[in-house]
Amino acid sequence: MSDIPVVKHYRQGKIQAIDVIADWELNFSLGNVLKYVGRAGKKESATQQEDLQKALWYLVFEVTQSTGVADNIVTAVSSITEARNQSD
């Protein structure tokens, strides 16, 4: 993958998220959890909170998919976001 330019927020540290995702054979959702946690607060157009909320969304999606209650994902993440906003 050396031919593809890698943007700054994915070049933090010695190991890129995509390499870990491939090595650990993570699926799309869990790969995105790792990606968003790893870049949290490092991308110019996204805050740490936004990236962590995206990571949470994919983690909740993964958990609800394996338990068969995928319809509750939006409610679960929305509830967490509302609670955070109320505490600010």
N, C-alpha and C. Protein backbone atom coordinates (compact mmCIF):
# COMPACT_ATOMS: atom_id res chain seq x y z
N MET A 1 0.82 -1.21 0.00
CA MET A 1 0.00 0.00 0.00
C MET A 1 0.86 1.26 0.00
N SER A 2 2.14 1.12 -0.25
CA SER A 2 3.03 2.27 -0.21
C SER A 2 2.75 3.27 -1.33
N ASP A 3 2.02 2.89 -2.37
CA ASP A 3 1.72 3.80 -3.47
C ASP A 3 0.61 4.79 -3.12
N ILE A 4 -0.15 4.50 -2.09
CA ILE A 4 -1.27 5.35 -1.70
C ILE A 4 -0.82 6.33 -0.64
N PRO A 5 -1.01 7.63 -0.87
CA PRO A 5 -0.60 8.61 0.15
C PRO A 5 -1.47 8.47 1.40
N VAL A 6 -0.84 8.58 2.54
CA VAL A 6 -1.56 8.46 3.81
C VAL A 6 -1.60 9.83 4.46
N VAL A 7 -2.80 10.26 4.81
CA VAL A 7 -2.96 11.59 5.39
C VAL A 7 -2.40 11.63 6.81
N LYS A 8 -2.08 12.81 7.25
CA LYS A 8 -1.38 13.04 8.52
C LYS A 8 -2.06 12.38 9.72
N HIS A 9 -3.39 12.48 9.81
CA HIS A 9 -4.06 11.97 11.01
C HIS A 9 -4.07 10.45 11.09
N TYR A 10 -3.61 9.76 10.03
CA TYR A 10 -3.46 8.31 10.09
C TYR A 10 -2.00 7.89 10.23
N ARG A 11 -1.08 8.85 10.29
CA ARG A 11 0.33 8.54 10.42
C ARG A 11 0.85 8.83 11.81
N GLN A 12 0.05 8.67 12.81
CA GLN A 12 0.47 8.90 14.18
C GLN A 12 1.15 7.64 14.71
N GLY A 13 2.29 7.78 15.31
CA GLY A 13 2.99 6.63 15.87
C GLY A 13 3.67 5.79 14.81
N LYS A 14 4.05 4.60 15.18
CA LYS A 14 4.83 3.72 14.31
C LYS A 14 3.96 2.79 13.46
N ILE A 15 2.72 2.57 13.87
CA ILE A 15 1.86 1.60 13.19
C ILE A 15 0.59 2.31 12.71
N GLN A 16 0.24 2.11 11.45
CA GLN A 16 -0.99 2.70 10.92
C GLN A 16 -2.19 1.81 11.27
N ALA A 17 -3.31 2.46 11.47
CA ALA A 17 -4.54 1.73 11.81
C ALA A 17 -4.86 0.65 10.78
N ILE A 18 -4.68 0.95 9.51
CA ILE A 18 -5.03 -0.02 8.47
C ILE A 18 -4.20 -1.30 8.58
N ASP A 19 -2.95 -1.15 9.03
CA ASP A 19 -2.10 -2.33 9.21
C ASP A 19 -2.57 -3.19 10.38
N VAL A 20 -2.99 -2.55 11.45
CA VAL A 20 -3.51 -3.29 12.61
C VAL A 20 -4.83 -3.97 12.24
N ILE A 21 -5.70 -3.24 11.55
CA ILE A 21 -6.99 -3.79 11.15
C ILE A 21 -6.79 -5.03 10.29
N ALA A 22 -5.87 -4.97 9.34
CA ALA A 22 -5.60 -6.12 8.48
C ALA A 22 -4.96 -7.26 9.26
N ASP A 23 -3.98 -6.95 10.10
CA ASP A 23 -3.29 -7.99 10.85
C ASP A 23 -4.22 -8.70 11.82
N TRP A 24 -5.10 -7.95 12.45
CA TRP A 24 -6.03 -8.54 13.42
C TRP A 24 -7.28 -9.09 12.75
N GLU A 25 -7.39 -8.92 11.42
CA GLU A 25 -8.52 -9.39 10.64
C GLU A 25 -9.86 -8.88 11.19
N LEU A 26 -9.89 -7.57 11.47
CA LEU A 26 -11.11 -6.96 11.99
C LEU A 26 -12.10 -6.72 10.85
N ASN A 27 -13.38 -6.84 11.17
CA ASN A 27 -14.39 -6.55 10.16
C ASN A 27 -14.54 -5.03 10.01
N PHE A 28 -15.43 -4.61 9.12
CA PHE A 28 -15.61 -3.19 8.81
C PHE A 28 -15.92 -2.36 10.06
N SER A 29 -16.87 -2.82 10.86
CA SER A 29 -17.29 -2.04 12.03
C SER A 29 -16.17 -1.93 13.06
N LEU A 30 -15.54 -3.04 13.40
CA LEU A 30 -14.48 -3.00 14.40
C LEU A 30 -13.25 -2.26 13.87
N GLY A 31 -13.00 -2.35 12.57
CA GLY A 31 -11.92 -1.59 11.98
C GLY A 31 -12.16 -0.10 12.11
N ASN A 32 -13.41 0.32 11.93
CA ASN A 32 -13.74 1.74 12.08
C ASN A 32 -13.62 2.19 13.54
N VAL A 33 -13.96 1.32 14.48
CA VAL A 33 -13.77 1.66 15.89
C VAL A 33 -12.30 1.98 16.13
N LEU A 34 -11.43 1.09 15.68
CA LEU A 34 -10.00 1.29 15.87
C LEU A 34 -9.53 2.56 15.17
N LYS A 35 -9.98 2.77 13.93
CA LYS A 35 -9.58 3.94 13.15
C LYS A 35 -9.99 5.24 13.84
N TYR A 36 -11.25 5.33 14.28
CA TYR A 36 -11.72 6.57 14.88
C TYR A 36 -11.11 6.83 16.25
N VAL A 37 -10.87 5.78 17.03
CA VAL A 37 -10.22 5.97 18.32
C VAL A 37 -8.78 6.43 18.08
N GLY A 38 -8.11 5.81 17.12
CA GLY A 38 -6.73 6.17 16.84
C GLY A 38 -6.53 7.58 16.32
N ARG A 39 -7.48 8.10 15.59
CA ARG A 39 -7.32 9.44 15.02
C ARG A 39 -8.05 10.51 15.86
N ALA A 40 -8.68 10.12 16.93
CA ALA A 40 -9.49 11.06 17.74
C ALA A 40 -8.70 12.31 18.10
N GLY A 41 -9.23 13.44 17.66
CA GLY A 41 -8.63 14.73 17.95
C GLY A 41 -7.45 15.10 17.07
N LYS A 42 -7.11 14.26 16.11
CA LYS A 42 -5.94 14.53 15.26
C LYS A 42 -6.31 15.03 13.86
N LYS A 43 -7.55 14.82 13.44
CA LYS A 43 -7.97 15.28 12.12
C LYS A 43 -8.43 16.73 12.24
N GLU A 44 -7.98 17.54 11.32
CA GLU A 44 -8.26 18.97 11.40
C GLU A 44 -9.75 19.30 11.41
N SER A 45 -10.55 18.55 10.65
CA SER A 45 -11.96 18.90 10.52
C SER A 45 -12.86 18.17 11.52
N ALA A 46 -12.29 17.41 12.45
CA ALA A 46 -13.11 16.68 13.41
C ALA A 46 -12.53 16.84 14.82
N THR A 47 -13.41 17.00 15.78
CA THR A 47 -12.94 17.10 17.15
C THR A 47 -12.77 15.69 17.74
N GLN A 48 -12.09 15.62 18.86
CA GLN A 48 -11.92 14.34 19.53
C GLN A 48 -13.28 13.74 19.87
N GLN A 49 -14.18 14.58 20.34
CA GLN A 49 -15.51 14.12 20.72
C GLN A 49 -16.25 13.53 19.52
N GLU A 50 -16.15 14.17 18.36
CA GLU A 50 -16.82 13.66 17.16
C GLU A 50 -16.27 12.29 16.76
N ASP A 51 -14.95 12.16 16.80
CA ASP A 51 -14.35 10.88 16.43
C ASP A 51 -14.73 9.78 17.43
N LEU A 52 -14.76 10.10 18.71
CA LEU A 52 -15.12 9.10 19.71
C LEU A 52 -16.59 8.71 19.59
N GLN A 53 -17.44 9.67 19.21
CA GLN A 53 -18.85 9.33 18.99
C GLN A 53 -19.01 8.42 17.78
N LYS A 54 -18.21 8.64 16.74
CA LYS A 54 -18.26 7.76 15.57
C LYS A 54 -17.77 6.36 15.96
N ALA A 55 -16.71 6.29 16.74
CA ALA A 55 -16.20 5.00 17.21
C ALA A 55 -17.27 4.28 18.03
N LEU A 56 -17.93 5.02 18.89
CA LEU A 56 -19.00 4.45 19.70
C LEU A 56 -20.13 3.93 18.83
N TRP A 57 -20.48 4.70 17.81
CA TRP A 57 -21.55 4.28 16.91
C TRP A 57 -21.24 2.93 16.30
N TYR A 58 -20.01 2.77 15.79
CA TYR A 58 -19.63 1.49 15.17
C TYR A 58 -19.53 0.37 16.20
N LEU A 59 -19.10 0.67 17.42
CA LEU A 59 -19.02 -0.36 18.45
C LEU A 59 -20.41 -0.82 18.86
N VAL A 60 -21.32 0.13 19.06
CA VAL A 60 -22.69 -0.24 19.39
C VAL A 60 -23.32 -1.01 18.25
N PHE A 61 -23.06 -0.61 17.02
CA PHE A 61 -23.57 -1.33 15.86
C PHE A 61 -23.09 -2.78 15.88
N GLU A 62 -21.81 -2.97 16.12
CA GLU A 62 -21.25 -4.33 16.15
C GLU A 62 -21.89 -5.17 17.25
N VAL A 63 -22.04 -4.60 18.42
CA VAL A 63 -22.65 -5.34 19.53
C VAL A 63 -24.10 -5.66 19.23
N THR A 64 -24.84 -4.70 18.69
CA THR A 64 -26.26 -4.95 18.43
C THR A 64 -26.45 -5.92 17.27
N GLN A 65 -25.52 -5.91 16.30
CA GLN A 65 -25.62 -6.87 15.20
C GLN A 65 -25.47 -8.30 15.72
N SER A 66 -24.55 -8.51 16.62
CA SER A 66 -24.32 -9.86 17.13
C SER A 66 -25.41 -10.32 18.08
N THR A 67 -26.18 -9.37 18.62
CA THR A 67 -27.27 -9.75 19.52
C THR A 67 -28.63 -9.67 18.83
N GLY A 68 -28.66 -9.20 17.59
CA GLY A 68 -29.91 -9.16 16.83
C GLY A 68 -30.82 -7.99 17.17
N VAL A 69 -30.29 -6.95 17.78
CA VAL A 69 -31.12 -5.79 18.11
C VAL A 69 -30.58 -4.52 17.46
N ALA A 70 -30.27 -4.61 16.18
CA ALA A 70 -29.67 -3.49 15.46
C ALA A 70 -30.55 -2.24 15.44
N ASP A 71 -31.85 -2.40 15.60
CA ASP A 71 -32.74 -1.24 15.56
C ASP A 71 -32.49 -0.27 16.72
N ASN A 72 -31.85 -0.73 17.76
CA ASN A 72 -31.64 0.12 18.94
C ASN A 72 -30.37 0.95 18.87
N ILE A 73 -29.60 0.81 17.82
CA ILE A 73 -28.31 1.51 17.77
C ILE A 73 -28.45 3.02 17.80
N VAL A 74 -29.34 3.57 17.03
CA VAL A 74 -29.50 5.02 16.99
C VAL A 74 -29.98 5.53 18.34
N THR A 75 -30.89 4.83 18.95
CA THR A 75 -31.39 5.22 20.27
C THR A 75 -30.28 5.19 21.31
N ALA A 76 -29.47 4.15 21.29
CA ALA A 76 -28.40 4.01 22.27
C ALA A 76 -27.38 5.14 22.14
N VAL A 77 -26.91 5.39 20.94
CA VAL A 77 -25.91 6.43 20.74
C VAL A 77 -26.51 7.81 20.98
N SER A 78 -27.74 8.01 20.56
CA SER A 78 -28.40 9.31 20.80
C SER A 78 -28.55 9.59 22.29
N SER A 79 -28.88 8.57 23.05
CA SER A 79 -29.03 8.74 24.50
C SER A 79 -27.71 9.14 25.14
N ILE A 80 -26.64 8.52 24.72
CA ILE A 80 -25.32 8.85 25.26
C ILE A 80 -24.94 10.27 24.88
N THR A 81 -25.19 10.65 23.64
CA THR A 81 -24.86 12.00 23.19
C THR A 81 -25.69 13.03 23.93
N GLU A 82 -26.97 12.78 24.13
CA GLU A 82 -27.84 13.71 24.87
C GLU A 82 -27.37 13.87 26.30
N ALA A 83 -27.01 12.77 26.94
CA ALA A 83 -26.55 12.83 28.32
C ALA A 83 -25.27 13.67 28.43
N ARG A 84 -24.37 13.50 27.45
CA ARG A 84 -23.14 14.28 27.45
C ARG A 84 -23.43 15.76 27.25
N ASN A 85 -24.34 16.08 26.33
CA ASN A 85 -24.69 17.47 26.06
C ASN A 85 -25.34 18.14 27.26
N GLN A 86 -26.13 17.38 28.02
CA GLN A 86 -26.79 17.94 29.19
C GLN A 86 -25.80 18.23 30.32
N SER A 87 -24.70 17.47 30.36
CA SER A 87 -23.71 17.67 31.42
C SER A 87 -22.76 18.82 31.12
N ASP A 88 -22.76 19.29 29.87
CA ASP A 88 -21.86 20.41 29.48
C ASP A 88 -22.32 21.73 29.99
